[in-house]
Amino acid sequence: MTENIQTTFPEINIKKDALLSQYTFTHTGGPADWLAFPKNVDEMKQLVTYAKEQQLPITVLGNASNLIVKDGGIAGLVLILTAMKDISVSDSTVTADAGAAYIEVTKVARDHSLSGIEFAAGIPGSVGGAVFMNAGAYGGETRNVISKATVMDRDGNIFELNNQELDFGYRHSAVQDQNLIVLSADFGLIPGDYETIKAQMDDLNARRAAKQPLDLPSCGSVFKRPEGYFAGKLIHDAGLQGYTSGGAQVSKKHAGFIVNINNGTATDYLNVIHHVQQVVKEKFGVELETEVRIIGRDK
């Protein structure tokens, strides 16, 4: 029975009715029925197999950066993979566990004078999240640097997918379509010059800091780029910067971000998102589609 999950796996850190707002970048989100922090692939496999046997819904999170968890929380078992964070280097390949911070991968690459992944220097998500959604910035995308990913299906089977099999698209991968769990990824990089790599990363981080509201909780870029437009410019041109619902606000610094200015809830975030979508559609006839994942139960 699920009531015994903590005693079934005493070696795994498992919490009951844990507030996810403590773990999300927005500082919002209701409780997870069960929240576990597996430390390795074996523990992952045990939990996934158990969840299947118990018919327990399972949700996998990394850094929970480009994510909104609704105020009703998440049913079943939630796995946060941040304890799985090993990063290693072999020749020009960097291998990173799914819970490793993408930013840390870029630092390891830099310190080994490996180039190609500089674009991700400021992306706040995990490696698993980056593979899941083909994270990108400043003209670079995860699909440009990944050679393969090790994944697990919901039956606990582990296998590898190469770059082509990952079927990357704009903020999309086969991991989404096949409901897979990323365990680790290999990044095939190019030997380069340390100072040049560092300078590029420093420049991108400075540009990010100048343009984005990094001083406030947010879920990153909220909307996908509509074909032929930029979401942030549409929102700015619609006069929506500063629009506020409860404690959530369209950032005054970058219109593509929604920030938590005063104990905002997920419902506040969703109200702002829906209002922005409605106004932009009315003014410009453009449908803004969310890039941020929105999951969980309504309260």
C-alpha atoms as a PDB file:
ATOM      1  CA  MET A   1       0.000   0.000   0.000  1.00  0.00           C
ATOM      2  CA  THR A   2       1.167   3.549  -0.728  1.00  0.00           C
ATOM      3  CA  GLU A   3       0.819   4.404   2.981  1.00  0.00           C
ATOM      4  CA  ASN A   4       3.905   2.239   3.544  1.00  0.00           C
ATOM      5  CA  ILE A   5       6.109   3.802   0.882  1.00  0.00           C
ATOM      6  CA  GLN A   6       8.405   5.386   3.469  1.00  0.00           C
ATOM      7  CA  THR A   7       8.932   2.101   5.301  1.00  0.00           C
ATOM      8  CA  THR A   8       9.261   0.203   2.002  1.00  0.00           C
ATOM      9  CA  PHE A   9      12.190   2.429   0.995  1.00  0.00           C
ATOM     10  CA  PRO A  10      13.795   3.625   4.247  1.00  0.00           C
ATOM     11  CA  GLU A  11      17.050   4.495   2.435  1.00  0.00           C
ATOM     12  CA  ILE A  12      15.302   7.029   0.167  1.00  0.00           C
ATOM     13  CA  ASN A  13      14.332  10.514   1.325  1.00  0.00           C
ATOM     14  CA  ILE A  14      10.530  10.461   0.982  1.00  0.00           C
ATOM     15  CA  LYS A  15       8.116  13.083   2.310  1.00  0.00           C
ATOM     16  CA  LYS A  16       4.334  12.956   2.672  1.00  0.00           C
ATOM     17  CA  ASP A  17       2.133  15.929   1.689  1.00  0.00           C
ATOM     18  CA  ALA A  18       5.209  18.051   0.950  1.00  0.00           C
ATOM     19  CA  LEU A  19       4.574  21.566  -0.375  1.00  0.00           C
ATOM     20  CA  LEU A  20       6.087  21.861  -3.830  1.00  0.00           C
ATOM     21  CA  SER A  21       6.310  25.644  -3.463  1.00  0.00           C
ATOM     22  CA  GLN A  22       9.521  24.935  -1.509  1.00  0.00           C
ATOM     23  CA  TYR A  23      11.111  23.480  -4.642  1.00  0.00           C
ATOM     24  CA  THR A  24       9.750  25.467  -7.619  1.00  0.00           C
ATOM     25  CA  PHE A  25      11.416  28.574  -9.048  1.00  0.00           C
ATOM     26  CA  THR A  26       8.102  30.462  -8.823  1.00  0.00           C
ATOM     27  CA  HIS A  27       7.778  29.605  -5.099  1.00  0.00           C
ATOM     28  CA  THR A  28       4.258  28.351  -5.840  1.00  0.00           C
ATOM     29  CA  GLY A  29       2.566  24.971  -5.906  1.00  0.00           C
ATOM     30  CA  GLY A  30       0.472  22.803  -3.597  1.00  0.00           C
ATOM     31  CA  PRO A  31       1.449  19.537  -1.923  1.00  0.00           C
ATOM     32  CA  ALA A  32       2.659  16.327  -3.478  1.00  0.00           C
ATOM     33  CA  ASP A  33       0.941  13.281  -2.010  1.00  0.00           C
ATOM     34  CA  TRP A  34       4.408  11.740  -1.860  1.00  0.00           C
ATOM     35  CA  LEU A  35       7.712  13.402  -2.718  1.00  0.00           C
ATOM     36  CA  ALA A  36      10.898  11.369  -3.176  1.00  0.00           C
ATOM     37  CA  PHE A  37      14.522  12.296  -3.868  1.00  0.00           C
ATOM     38  CA  PRO A  38      16.218   9.272  -5.477  1.00  0.00           C
ATOM     39  CA  LYS A  39      20.014   9.376  -5.361  1.00  0.00           C
ATOM     40  CA  ASN A  40      20.805   7.000  -8.219  1.00  0.00           C
ATOM     41  CA  VAL A  41      19.364   4.948 -11.070  1.00  0.00           C
ATOM     42  CA  ASP A  42      18.731   1.918  -8.847  1.00  0.00           C
ATOM     43  CA  GLU A  43      16.533   3.940  -6.498  1.00  0.00           C
ATOM     44  CA  MET A  44      14.752   5.449  -9.497  1.00  0.00           C
ATOM     45  CA  LYS A  45      14.016   1.991 -10.855  1.00  0.00           C
ATOM     46  CA  GLN A  46      12.706   0.809  -7.482  1.00  0.00           C
ATOM     47  CA  LEU A  47      10.343   3.770  -7.191  1.00  0.00           C
ATOM     48  CA  VAL A  48       9.102   3.573 -10.781  1.00  0.00           C
ATOM     49  CA  THR A  49       8.449  -0.158 -10.462  1.00  0.00           C
ATOM     50  CA  TYR A  50       6.678   0.338  -7.132  1.00  0.00           C
ATOM     51  CA  ALA A  51       4.510   3.107  -8.572  1.00  0.00           C
ATOM     52  CA  LYS A  52       3.449   0.852 -11.427  1.00  0.00           C
ATOM     53  CA  GLU A  53       2.583  -2.000  -9.057  1.00  0.00           C
ATOM     54  CA  GLN A  54       0.562   0.343  -6.853  1.00  0.00           C
ATOM     55  CA  GLN A  55      -1.049   2.099  -9.842  1.00  0.00           C
ATOM     56  CA  LEU A  56       0.357   5.308  -8.428  1.00  0.00           C
ATOM     57  CA  PRO A  57       0.684   8.279 -10.793  1.00  0.00           C
ATOM     58  CA  ILE A  58       4.298   9.392 -11.087  1.00  0.00           C
ATOM     59  CA  THR A  59       5.622  12.857 -11.967  1.00  0.00           C
ATOM     60  CA  VAL A  60       9.302  13.604 -12.499  1.00  0.00           C
ATOM     61  CA  LEU A  61      10.828  17.035 -11.843  1.00  0.00           C
ATOM     62  CA  GLY A  62      14.337  18.422 -12.107  1.00  0.00           C
ATOM     63  CA  ASN A  63      15.052  21.981 -10.978  1.00  0.00           C
ATOM     64  CA  ALA A  64      11.364  22.893 -11.456  1.00  0.00           C
ATOM     65  CA  SER A  65      12.410  26.106 -13.209  1.00  0.00           C
ATOM     66  CA  ASN A  66      10.248  26.290 -16.353  1.00  0.00           C
ATOM     67  CA  LEU A  67       7.241  24.912 -14.519  1.00  0.00           C
ATOM     68  CA  ILE A  68       4.035  25.932 -12.768  1.00  0.00           C
ATOM     69  CA  VAL A  69       2.571  23.484 -10.249  1.00  0.00           C
ATOM     70  CA  LYS A  70      -1.072  24.257  -9.547  1.00  0.00           C
ATOM     71  CA  ASP A  71      -2.220  25.108  -6.036  1.00  0.00           C
ATOM     72  CA  GLY A  72      -3.918  21.736  -5.590  1.00  0.00           C
ATOM     73  CA  GLY A  73      -0.546  20.034  -5.804  1.00  0.00           C
ATOM     74  CA  ILE A  74       0.192  16.743  -7.564  1.00  0.00           C
ATOM     75  CA  ALA A  75      -1.445  13.376  -7.018  1.00  0.00           C
ATOM     76  CA  GLY A  76       0.628  10.263  -6.482  1.00  0.00           C
ATOM     77  CA  LEU A  77       4.407  10.185  -6.338  1.00  0.00           C
ATOM     78  CA  VAL A  78       6.615  13.092  -7.363  1.00  0.00           C
ATOM     79  CA  LEU A  79      10.314  12.459  -7.978  1.00  0.00           C
ATOM     80  CA  ILE A  80      12.768  15.345  -7.750  1.00  0.00           C
ATOM     81  CA  LEU A  81      16.069  14.313  -9.296  1.00  0.00           C
ATOM     82  CA  THR A  82      18.402  17.000  -7.967  1.00  0.00           C
ATOM     83  CA  ALA A  83      20.309  14.426  -5.872  1.00  0.00           C
ATOM     84  CA  MET A  84      21.321  12.721  -9.141  1.00  0.00           C
ATOM     85  CA  LYS A  85      23.850  15.327 -10.233  1.00  0.00           C
ATOM     86  CA  ASP A  86      27.147  13.689 -11.189  1.00  0.00           C
ATOM     87  CA  ILE A  87      29.054  15.216 -14.121  1.00  0.00           C
ATOM     88  CA  SER A  88      32.067  13.573 -15.757  1.00  0.00           C
ATOM     89  CA  VAL A  89      34.305  14.238 -18.761  1.00  0.00           C
ATOM     90  CA  SER A  90      35.877  11.794 -21.204  1.00  0.00           C
ATOM     91  CA  ASP A  91      37.832  13.336 -24.066  1.00  0.00           C
ATOM     92  CA  SER A  92      35.383  15.867 -25.581  1.00  0.00           C
ATOM     93  CA  THR A  93      32.218  14.286 -24.129  1.00  0.00           C
ATOM     94  CA  VAL A  94      30.565  15.588 -20.966  1.00  0.00           C
ATOM     95  CA  THR A  95      28.199  13.105 -19.304  1.00  0.00           C
ATOM     96  CA  ALA A  96      25.731  14.486 -16.785  1.00  0.00           C
ATOM     97  CA  ASP A  97      23.024  12.968 -14.609  1.00  0.00           C
ATOM     98  CA  ALA A  98      19.484  14.198 -15.184  1.00  0.00           C
ATOM     99  CA  GLY A  99      19.373  16.180 -11.948  1.00  0.00           C
ATOM    100  CA  ALA A 100      22.585  18.081 -12.613  1.00  0.00           C
ATOM    101  CA  ALA A 101      22.093  21.789 -13.198  1.00  0.00           C
ATOM    102  CA  TYR A 102      22.568  22.723 -16.858  1.00  0.00           C
ATOM    103  CA  ILE A 103      24.601  25.709 -15.723  1.00  0.00           C
ATOM    104  CA  GLU A 104      27.015  23.366 -13.902  1.00  0.00           C
ATOM    105  CA  VAL A 105      27.470  21.342 -17.093  1.00  0.00           C
ATOM    106  CA  THR A 106      28.547  24.496 -18.936  1.00  0.00           C
ATOM    107  CA  LYS A 107      31.035  25.317 -16.160  1.00  0.00           C
ATOM    108  CA  VAL A 108      32.571  21.838 -16.312  1.00  0.00           C
ATOM    109  CA  ALA A 109      32.789  22.128 -20.106  1.00  0.00           C
ATOM    110  CA  ARG A 110      34.454  25.541 -19.775  1.00  0.00           C
ATOM    111  CA  ASP A 111      36.961  24.256 -17.201  1.00  0.00           C
ATOM    112  CA  HIS A 112      37.921  21.463 -19.606  1.00  0.00           C
ATOM    113  CA  SER A 113      38.179  23.934 -22.527  1.00  0.00           C
ATOM    114  CA  LEU A 114      35.248  22.316 -24.343  1.00  0.00           C
ATOM    115  CA  SER A 115      33.125  24.519 -26.589  1.00  0.00           C
ATOM    116  CA  GLY A 116      29.620  24.358 -28.045  1.00  0.00           C
ATOM    117  CA  ILE A 117      27.444  24.570 -24.959  1.00  0.00           C
ATOM    118  CA  GLU A 118      28.139  28.190 -24.037  1.00  0.00           C
ATOM    119  CA  PHE A 119      24.551  29.164 -24.966  1.00  0.00           C
ATOM    120  CA  ALA A 120      23.298  27.286 -21.875  1.00  0.00           C
ATOM    121  CA  ALA A 121      25.478  29.198 -19.406  1.00  0.00           C
ATOM    122  CA  GLY A 122      22.464  30.901 -17.843  1.00  0.00           C
ATOM    123  CA  ILE A 123      19.691  28.328 -18.381  1.00  0.00           C
ATOM    124  CA  PRO A 124      18.479  27.521 -14.845  1.00  0.00           C
ATOM    125  CA  GLY A 125      16.974  24.078 -15.482  1.00  0.00           C
ATOM    126  CA  SER A 126      18.338  20.576 -15.029  1.00  0.00           C
ATOM    127  CA  VAL A 127      19.866  18.342 -17.687  1.00  0.00           C
ATOM    128  CA  GLY A 128      16.745  16.175 -17.700  1.00  0.00           C
ATOM    129  CA  GLY A 129      14.530  19.199 -18.212  1.00  0.00           C
ATOM    130  CA  ALA A 130      16.818  20.491 -20.951  1.00  0.00           C
ATOM    131  CA  VAL A 131      16.530  17.203 -22.855  1.00  0.00           C
ATOM    132  CA  PHE A 132      12.792  16.975 -22.203  1.00  0.00           C
ATOM    133  CA  MET A 133      12.066  20.358 -23.776  1.00  0.00           C
ATOM    134  CA  ASN A 134      15.133  20.919 -25.980  1.00  0.00           C
ATOM    135  CA  ALA A 135      16.060  23.946 -23.915  1.00  0.00           C
ATOM    136  CA  GLY A 136      17.788  26.740 -25.755  1.00  0.00           C
ATOM    137  CA  ALA A 137      18.929  30.346 -25.610  1.00  0.00           C
ATOM    138  CA  TYR A 138      20.840  32.874 -27.701  1.00  0.00           C
ATOM    139  CA  GLY A 139      20.607  30.848 -30.886  1.00  0.00           C
ATOM    140  CA  GLY A 140      21.711  27.545 -29.374  1.00  0.00           C
ATOM    141  CA  GLU A 141      19.604  24.503 -28.535  1.00  0.00           C
ATOM    142  CA  THR A 142      20.200  21.291 -26.602  1.00  0.00           C
ATOM    143  CA  ARG A 143      19.787  19.250 -29.780  1.00  0.00           C
ATOM    144  CA  ASN A 144      22.923  20.920 -31.181  1.00  0.00           C
ATOM    145  CA  VAL A 145      25.165  19.407 -28.507  1.00  0.00           C
ATOM    146  CA  ILE A 146      23.588  16.183 -27.237  1.00  0.00           C
ATOM    147  CA  SER A 147      24.842  12.888 -28.652  1.00  0.00           C
ATOM    148  CA  LYS A 148      22.626  10.530 -26.657  1.00  0.00           C
ATOM    149  CA  ALA A 149      20.441  10.250 -23.571  1.00  0.00           C
ATOM    150  CA  THR A 150      19.895   7.322 -21.225  1.00  0.00           C
ATOM    151  CA  VAL A 151      16.203   7.049 -20.381  1.00  0.00           C
ATOM    152  CA  MET A 152      13.772   4.897 -18.417  1.00  0.00           C
ATOM    153  CA  ASP A 153      10.221   4.012 -19.398  1.00  0.00           C
ATOM    154  CA  ARG A 154       7.362   3.698 -16.923  1.00  0.00           C
ATOM    155  CA  ASP A 155       7.949  -0.070 -16.688  1.00  0.00           C
ATOM    156  CA  GLY A 156      11.481   0.518 -15.381  1.00  0.00           C
ATOM    157  CA  ASN A 157      13.224  -0.472 -18.621  1.00  0.00           C
ATOM    158  CA  ILE A 158      16.447   1.469 -19.291  1.00  0.00           C
ATOM    159  CA  PHE A 159      17.775   2.207 -22.777  1.00  0.00           C
ATOM    160  CA  GLU A 160      19.566   4.828 -24.844  1.00  0.00           C
ATOM    161  CA  LEU A 161      18.283   7.213 -27.493  1.00  0.00           C
ATOM    162  CA  ASN A 162      20.670   8.909 -29.906  1.00  0.00           C
ATOM    163  CA  ASN A 163      20.223  12.462 -31.138  1.00  0.00           C
ATOM    164  CA  GLN A 164      18.072  11.443 -34.079  1.00  0.00           C
ATOM    165  CA  GLU A 165      15.888   9.147 -31.974  1.00  0.00           C
ATOM    166  CA  LEU A 166      15.310  11.975 -29.510  1.00  0.00           C
ATOM    167  CA  ASP A 167      13.405  13.706 -32.328  1.00  0.00           C
ATOM    168  CA  PHE A 168      14.100  17.229 -31.127  1.00  0.00           C
ATOM    169  CA  GLY A 169      11.917  20.123 -32.194  1.00  0.00           C
ATOM    170  CA  TYR A 170      11.195  23.586 -30.851  1.00  0.00           C
ATOM    171  CA  ARG A 171      10.797  23.024 -27.084  1.00  0.00           C
ATOM    172  CA  HIS A 172      10.025  19.391 -27.875  1.00  0.00           C
ATOM    173  CA  SER A 173      11.602  15.929 -27.747  1.00  0.00           C
ATOM    174  CA  ALA A 174      10.612  12.276 -27.997  1.00  0.00           C
ATOM    175  CA  VAL A 175      10.925  12.154 -24.193  1.00  0.00           C
ATOM    176  CA  GLN A 176       7.642  14.072 -24.009  1.00  0.00           C
ATOM    177  CA  ASP A 177       5.843  11.964 -26.600  1.00  0.00           C
ATOM    178  CA  GLN A 178       6.909   8.628 -25.116  1.00  0.00           C
ATOM    179  CA  ASN A 179       6.474   9.613 -21.450  1.00  0.00           C
ATOM    180  CA  LEU A 180      10.094   8.725 -20.685  1.00  0.00           C
ATOM    181  CA  ILE A 181      12.297   9.665 -17.752  1.00  0.00           C
ATOM    182  CA  VAL A 182      15.745  11.059 -18.555  1.00  0.00           C
ATOM    183  CA  LEU A 183      18.486   9.500 -16.416  1.00  0.00           C
ATOM    184  CA  SER A 184      21.575  11.082 -18.003  1.00  0.00           C
ATOM    185  CA  ALA A 185      22.838  12.716 -21.183  1.00  0.00           C
ATOM    186  CA  ASP A 186      26.062  12.799 -23.175  1.00  0.00           C
ATOM    187  CA  PHE A 187      27.106  16.117 -24.703  1.00  0.00           C
ATOM    188  CA  GLY A 188      29.513  15.928 -27.631  1.00  0.00           C
ATOM    189  CA  LEU A 189      31.588  19.106 -27.548  1.00  0.00           C
ATOM    190  CA  ILE A 190      34.547  20.594 -29.395  1.00  0.00           C
ATOM    191  CA  PRO A 191      37.989  21.347 -27.906  1.00  0.00           C
ATOM    192  CA  GLY A 192      38.431  25.091 -27.659  1.00  0.00           C
ATOM    193  CA  ASP A 193      40.216  27.895 -25.840  1.00  0.00           C
ATOM    194  CA  TYR A 194      39.350  28.374 -22.158  1.00  0.00           C
ATOM    195  CA  GLU A 195      39.552  32.181 -22.200  1.00  0.00           C
ATOM    196  CA  THR A 196      37.407  32.433 -25.344  1.00  0.00           C
ATOM    197  CA  ILE A 197      34.773  30.093 -23.913  1.00  0.00           C
ATOM    198  CA  LYS A 198      34.752  31.930 -20.577  1.00  0.00           C
ATOM    199  CA  ALA A 199      34.424  35.314 -22.295  1.00  0.00           C
ATOM    200  CA  GLN A 200      31.439  34.129 -24.319  1.00  0.00           C
ATOM    201  CA  MET A 201      29.716  32.673 -21.262  1.00  0.00           C
ATOM    202  CA  ASP A 202      30.370  35.831 -19.248  1.00  0.00           C
ATOM    203  CA  ASP A 203      28.966  37.948 -22.072  1.00  0.00           C
ATOM    204  CA  LEU A 204      25.779  35.873 -22.356  1.00  0.00           C
ATOM    205  CA  ASN A 205      25.257  35.945 -18.589  1.00  0.00           C
ATOM    206  CA  ALA A 206      25.743  39.713 -18.523  1.00  0.00           C
ATOM    207  CA  ARG A 207      23.190  40.128 -21.328  1.00  0.00           C
ATOM    208  CA  ARG A 208      20.763  37.878 -19.482  1.00  0.00           C
ATOM    209  CA  ALA A 209      21.183  39.794 -16.226  1.00  0.00           C
ATOM    210  CA  ALA A 210      20.651  43.120 -18.008  1.00  0.00           C
ATOM    211  CA  LYS A 211      17.420  42.040 -19.709  1.00  0.00           C
ATOM    212  CA  GLN A 212      15.767  39.478 -17.433  1.00  0.00           C
ATOM    213  CA  PRO A 213      14.230  39.836 -13.942  1.00  0.00           C
ATOM    214  CA  LEU A 214      16.650  37.456 -12.243  1.00  0.00           C
ATOM    215  CA  ASP A 215      16.097  39.120  -8.856  1.00  0.00           C
ATOM    216  CA  LEU A 216      12.508  37.830  -8.550  1.00  0.00           C
ATOM    217  CA  PRO A 217      10.999  34.318  -8.549  1.00  0.00           C
ATOM    218  CA  SER A 218       9.761  33.354 -12.011  1.00  0.00           C
ATOM    219  CA  CYS A 219       9.228  30.347 -14.263  1.00  0.00           C
ATOM    220  CA  GLY A 220      11.487  31.703 -16.970  1.00  0.00           C
ATOM    221  CA  SER A 221      10.175  32.445 -20.435  1.00  0.00           C
ATOM    222  CA  VAL A 222       6.413  31.814 -20.238  1.00  0.00           C
ATOM    223  CA  PHE A 223       5.372  31.678 -23.897  1.00  0.00           C
ATOM    224  CA  LYS A 224       6.719  29.987 -26.999  1.00  0.00           C
ATOM    225  CA  ARG A 225       7.878  32.232 -29.814  1.00  0.00           C
ATOM    226  CA  PRO A 226       4.949  32.635 -32.241  1.00  0.00           C
ATOM    227  CA  GLU A 227       5.937  32.228 -35.872  1.00  0.00           C
ATOM    228  CA  GLY A 228       6.885  35.619 -37.266  1.00  0.00           C
ATOM    229  CA  TYR A 229       6.705  37.362 -33.871  1.00  0.00           C
ATOM    230  CA  PHE A 230       8.368  37.664 -30.482  1.00  0.00           C
ATOM    231  CA  ALA A 231       6.123  36.960 -27.504  1.00  0.00           C
ATOM    232  CA  GLY A 232       7.759  39.583 -25.309  1.00  0.00           C
ATOM    233  CA  LYS A 233       7.317  42.333 -27.907  1.00  0.00           C
ATOM    234  CA  LEU A 234       3.652  41.444 -28.434  1.00  0.00           C
ATOM    235  CA  ILE A 235       3.018  41.596 -24.698  1.00  0.00           C
ATOM    236  CA  HIS A 236       4.921  44.888 -24.423  1.00  0.00           C
ATOM    237  CA  ASP A 237       3.070  46.389 -27.399  1.00  0.00           C
ATOM    238  CA  ALA A 238      -0.226  45.303 -25.842  1.00  0.00           C
ATOM    239  CA  GLY A 239       0.585  47.493 -22.833  1.00  0.00           C
ATOM    240  CA  LEU A 240       0.623  44.535 -20.459  1.00  0.00           C
ATOM    241  CA  GLN A 241       3.939  45.068 -18.687  1.00  0.00           C
ATOM    242  CA  GLY A 242       3.184  45.512 -15.009  1.00  0.00           C
ATOM    243  CA  TYR A 243      -0.221  43.801 -15.289  1.00  0.00           C
ATOM    244  CA  THR A 244      -0.781  42.129 -11.917  1.00  0.00           C
ATOM    245  CA  SER A 245      -3.133  39.519 -10.515  1.00  0.00           C
ATOM    246  CA  GLY A 246      -2.686  38.789  -6.815  1.00  0.00           C
ATOM    247  CA  GLY A 247       1.055  38.427  -6.306  1.00  0.00           C
ATOM    248  CA  ALA A 248       1.981  37.597  -9.920  1.00  0.00           C
ATOM    249  CA  GLN A 249       2.988  40.293 -12.394  1.00  0.00           C
ATOM    250  CA  VAL A 250       4.093  40.627 -16.003  1.00  0.00           C
ATOM    251  CA  SER A 251       7.680  41.716 -15.469  1.00  0.00           C
ATOM    252  CA  LYS A 252       8.378  45.407 -15.978  1.00  0.00           C
ATOM    253  CA  LYS A 253      11.914  44.448 -17.029  1.00  0.00           C
ATOM    254  CA  HIS A 254      11.077  41.761 -19.625  1.00  0.00           C
ATOM    255  CA  ALA A 255       7.528  41.276 -20.874  1.00  0.00           C
ATOM    256  CA  GLY A 256       8.103  37.593 -21.604  1.00  0.00           C
ATOM    257  CA  PHE A 257       8.439  36.818 -17.890  1.00  0.00           C
ATOM    258  CA  ILE A 258       5.877  36.634 -15.094  1.00  0.00           C
ATOM    259  CA  VAL A 259       7.353  37.274 -11.648  1.00  0.00           C
ATOM    260  CA  ASN A 260       6.228  36.593  -8.118  1.00  0.00           C
ATOM    261  CA  ILE A 261       6.192  39.991  -6.456  1.00  0.00           C
ATOM    262  CA  ASN A 262       4.188  39.300  -3.290  1.00  0.00           C
ATOM    263  CA  ASN A 263       3.500  35.722  -2.221  1.00  0.00           C
ATOM    264  CA  GLY A 264       1.808  34.949  -5.520  1.00  0.00           C
ATOM    265  CA  THR A 265       0.038  31.638  -6.036  1.00  0.00           C
ATOM    266  CA  ALA A 266      -0.083  29.374  -9.060  1.00  0.00           C
ATOM    267  CA  THR A 267      -3.635  30.592  -9.603  1.00  0.00           C
ATOM    268  CA  ASP A 268      -2.309  34.162  -9.772  1.00  0.00           C
ATOM    269  CA  TYR A 269       0.195  33.041 -12.414  1.00  0.00           C
ATOM    270  CA  LEU A 270      -2.482  31.297 -14.445  1.00  0.00           C
ATOM    271  CA  ASN A 271      -4.766  34.339 -14.238  1.00  0.00           C
ATOM    272  CA  VAL A 272      -1.980  36.534 -15.621  1.00  0.00           C
ATOM    273  CA  ILE A 273      -1.212  34.007 -18.382  1.00  0.00           C
ATOM    274  CA  HIS A 274      -4.845  33.787 -19.474  1.00  0.00           C
ATOM    275  CA  HIS A 275      -5.277  37.576 -19.435  1.00  0.00           C
ATOM    276  CA  VAL A 276      -2.123  38.074 -21.525  1.00  0.00           C
ATOM    277  CA  GLN A 277      -3.270  35.444 -24.034  1.00  0.00           C
ATOM    278  CA  GLN A 278      -6.704  37.049 -24.307  1.00  0.00           C
ATOM    279  CA  VAL A 279      -5.441  40.604 -24.797  1.00  0.00           C
ATOM    280  CA  VAL A 280      -2.743  39.647 -27.316  1.00  0.00           C
ATOM    281  CA  LYS A 281      -5.298  37.634 -29.303  1.00  0.00           C
ATOM    282  CA  GLU A 282      -7.743  40.560 -29.290  1.00  0.00           C
ATOM    283  CA  LYS A 283      -5.145  43.162 -30.280  1.00  0.00           C
ATOM    284  CA  PHE A 284      -2.963  41.246 -32.740  1.00  0.00           C
ATOM    285  CA  GLY A 285      -4.830  38.052 -33.616  1.00  0.00           C
ATOM    286  CA  VAL A 286      -1.920  35.961 -32.348  1.00  0.00           C
ATOM    287  CA  GLU A 287      -2.405  32.894 -30.154  1.00  0.00           C
ATOM    288  CA  LEU A 288       0.277  32.757 -27.485  1.00  0.00           C
ATOM    289  CA  GLU A 289       1.093  29.176 -26.541  1.00  0.00           C
ATOM    290  CA  THR A 290       2.718  28.499 -23.190  1.00  0.00           C
ATOM    291  CA  GLU A 291       6.279  27.238 -23.136  1.00  0.00           C
ATOM    292  CA  VAL A 292       6.162  26.726 -19.382  1.00  0.00           C
ATOM    293  CA  ARG A 293       4.781  23.350 -18.259  1.00  0.00           C
ATOM    294  CA  ILE A 294       1.599  23.643 -16.182  1.00  0.00           C
ATOM    295  CA  ILE A 295       0.859  20.550 -14.132  1.00  0.00           C
ATOM    296  CA  GLY A 296      -1.085  19.398 -11.090  1.00  0.00           C
ATOM    297  CA  ARG A 297      -4.527  19.643  -9.566  1.00  0.00           C
ATOM    298  CA  ASP A 298      -6.822  22.615  -9.294  1.00  0.00           C
ATOM    299  CA  LYS A 299      -7.331  23.583  -5.685  1.00  0.00           C
END
